[in-house]
Amino acid sequence: MRRNNRRRMSMGEDDDPMSVVSNLFDVAMVFAVALMVALVARYNMTEIFSQEDYTMVKNPGKENMEIITKEGGKINRYTATDESEPSEGKRGKKVGVAYQLENGEIIYVPE
């Protein structure tokens, strides 16, 4: 009679094979959130989550350069294109180069 009581006590919620899947899902979600936080911290992208306005230049000086600005809650992307391509939305072309001197002065050199 004692054996029957032990079996009844051992059979419960822990015997559900699907509980392992839900635990794995929880672990995967924690890992994904930790990975996202690590990537944001590594690439210094914390400005995206702040309330301040900012401007970021991606691939500076190259053909695929992008200027990303955040104004309030709106994020805008500007890309440089050739004149032969039709302009769609907010696009522009490279018209020169700006240099900042050691004293803080900025010099613009048109191309």
Protein backbone atom coordinates (compact mmCIF):
# COMPACT_ATOMS: atom_id res chain seq x y z
CA MET A 1 0.00 0.00 0.00
CA ARG A 2 2.91 2.34 0.59
CA ARG A 3 4.06 1.92 -3.02
CA ASN A 4 0.75 3.21 -4.37
CA ASN A 5 0.97 6.33 -2.21
CA ARG A 6 4.52 7.04 -3.44
CA ARG A 7 3.42 6.71 -7.08
CA ARG A 8 0.52 9.06 -6.56
CA MET A 9 2.74 11.63 -4.87
CA SER A 10 5.41 11.42 -7.58
CA MET A 11 2.90 11.81 -10.41
CA GLY A 12 2.08 15.49 -10.62
CA GLU A 13 2.91 18.55 -12.65
CA ASP A 14 6.60 17.60 -12.90
CA ASP A 15 5.82 14.64 -15.13
CA ASP A 16 4.52 16.81 -17.95
CA PRO A 17 6.98 16.53 -20.88
CA MET A 18 5.92 19.91 -22.28
CA SER A 19 7.13 21.72 -19.15
CA VAL A 20 10.70 21.23 -20.40
CA VAL A 21 9.84 23.05 -23.64
CA SER A 22 8.41 26.03 -21.78
CA ASN A 23 11.51 26.21 -19.59
CA LEU A 24 13.73 26.17 -22.70
CA PHE A 25 11.66 28.98 -24.19
CA ASP A 26 12.14 31.06 -21.04
CA VAL A 27 15.90 30.50 -21.16
CA ALA A 28 16.00 31.44 -24.85
CA MET A 29 14.09 34.68 -24.18
CA VAL A 30 16.46 35.65 -21.36
CA PHE A 31 19.44 34.92 -23.63
CA ALA A 32 17.95 37.02 -26.47
CA VAL A 33 17.34 40.02 -24.21
CA ALA A 34 20.85 39.74 -22.75
CA LEU A 35 22.32 39.60 -26.26
CA MET A 36 20.40 42.70 -27.35
CA VAL A 37 21.55 44.63 -24.27
CA ALA A 38 25.16 43.56 -24.88
CA LEU A 39 25.03 44.66 -28.54
CA VAL A 40 23.54 48.05 -27.67
CA ALA A 41 26.23 48.59 -25.05
CA ARG A 42 29.05 47.36 -27.32
CA TYR A 43 28.20 49.55 -30.31
CA ASN A 44 27.38 52.65 -28.20
CA MET A 45 23.81 52.83 -29.46
CA THR A 46 22.33 54.04 -26.18
CA GLU A 47 21.34 57.35 -27.85
CA ILE A 48 18.53 55.56 -29.63
CA PHE A 49 16.74 54.98 -26.33
CA SER A 50 17.29 58.47 -24.89
CA GLN A 51 14.96 61.46 -25.28
CA GLU A 52 17.71 63.64 -26.80
CA ASP A 53 17.96 64.48 -30.51
CA TYR A 54 21.04 63.11 -32.26
CA THR A 55 22.69 62.62 -35.64
CA MET A 56 24.71 59.53 -36.57
CA VAL A 57 26.77 58.99 -39.72
CA LYS A 58 27.06 55.40 -40.92
CA ASN A 59 29.98 54.50 -43.28
CA PRO A 60 31.38 58.06 -43.45
CA GLY A 61 33.07 59.03 -46.72
CA LYS A 62 31.95 55.93 -48.63
CA GLU A 63 29.38 55.52 -51.40
CA ASN A 64 26.89 53.79 -49.11
CA MET A 65 27.09 56.51 -46.43
CA GLU A 66 23.90 57.12 -44.45
CA ILE A 67 22.98 59.97 -42.13
CA ILE A 68 20.54 58.94 -39.41
CA THR A 69 18.86 61.68 -37.37
CA LYS A 70 16.45 61.47 -34.47
CA GLU A 71 14.24 64.47 -33.90
CA GLY A 72 11.81 63.98 -31.06
CA GLY A 73 10.29 60.55 -31.59
CA LYS A 74 10.91 60.46 -35.35
CA ILE A 75 13.95 58.80 -36.94
CA ASN A 76 15.00 59.90 -40.46
CA ARG A 77 17.51 58.26 -42.80
CA TYR A 78 19.30 60.13 -45.56
CA THR A 79 21.35 58.27 -48.18
CA ALA A 80 23.62 59.60 -50.91
CA THR A 81 22.73 58.55 -54.47
CA ASP A 82 23.88 59.28 -58.00
CA GLU A 83 22.02 61.94 -59.97
CA SER A 84 20.95 59.34 -62.57
CA GLU A 85 18.84 57.46 -60.03
CA PRO A 86 15.33 58.74 -59.39
CA SER A 87 15.02 60.40 -56.02
CA GLU A 88 12.62 58.68 -53.68
CA GLY A 89 11.79 60.39 -50.43
CA LYS A 90 14.68 62.02 -48.59
CA ARG A 91 17.79 61.35 -50.63
CA GLY A 92 20.76 63.51 -51.44
CA LYS A 93 24.16 63.51 -53.03
CA LYS A 94 27.62 64.19 -51.72
CA VAL A 95 28.55 67.80 -52.52
CA GLY A 96 31.75 68.16 -50.56
CA VAL A 97 33.76 67.30 -47.50
CA ALA A 98 33.89 69.07 -44.13
CA TYR A 99 37.00 69.01 -41.94
CA GLN A 100 37.24 70.04 -38.30
CA LEU A 101 40.52 71.66 -37.26
CA GLU A 102 42.19 71.25 -33.88
CA ASN A 103 40.85 74.64 -32.72
CA GLY A 104 37.26 73.51 -33.44
CA GLU A 105 36.83 75.44 -36.69
CA ILE A 106 35.05 73.54 -39.49
CA ILE A 107 36.15 73.98 -43.10
CA TYR A 108 33.90 72.91 -45.99
CA VAL A 109 35.57 71.85 -49.25
CA PRO A 110 33.18 71.54 -52.23
CA GLU A 111 33.87 68.83 -54.80
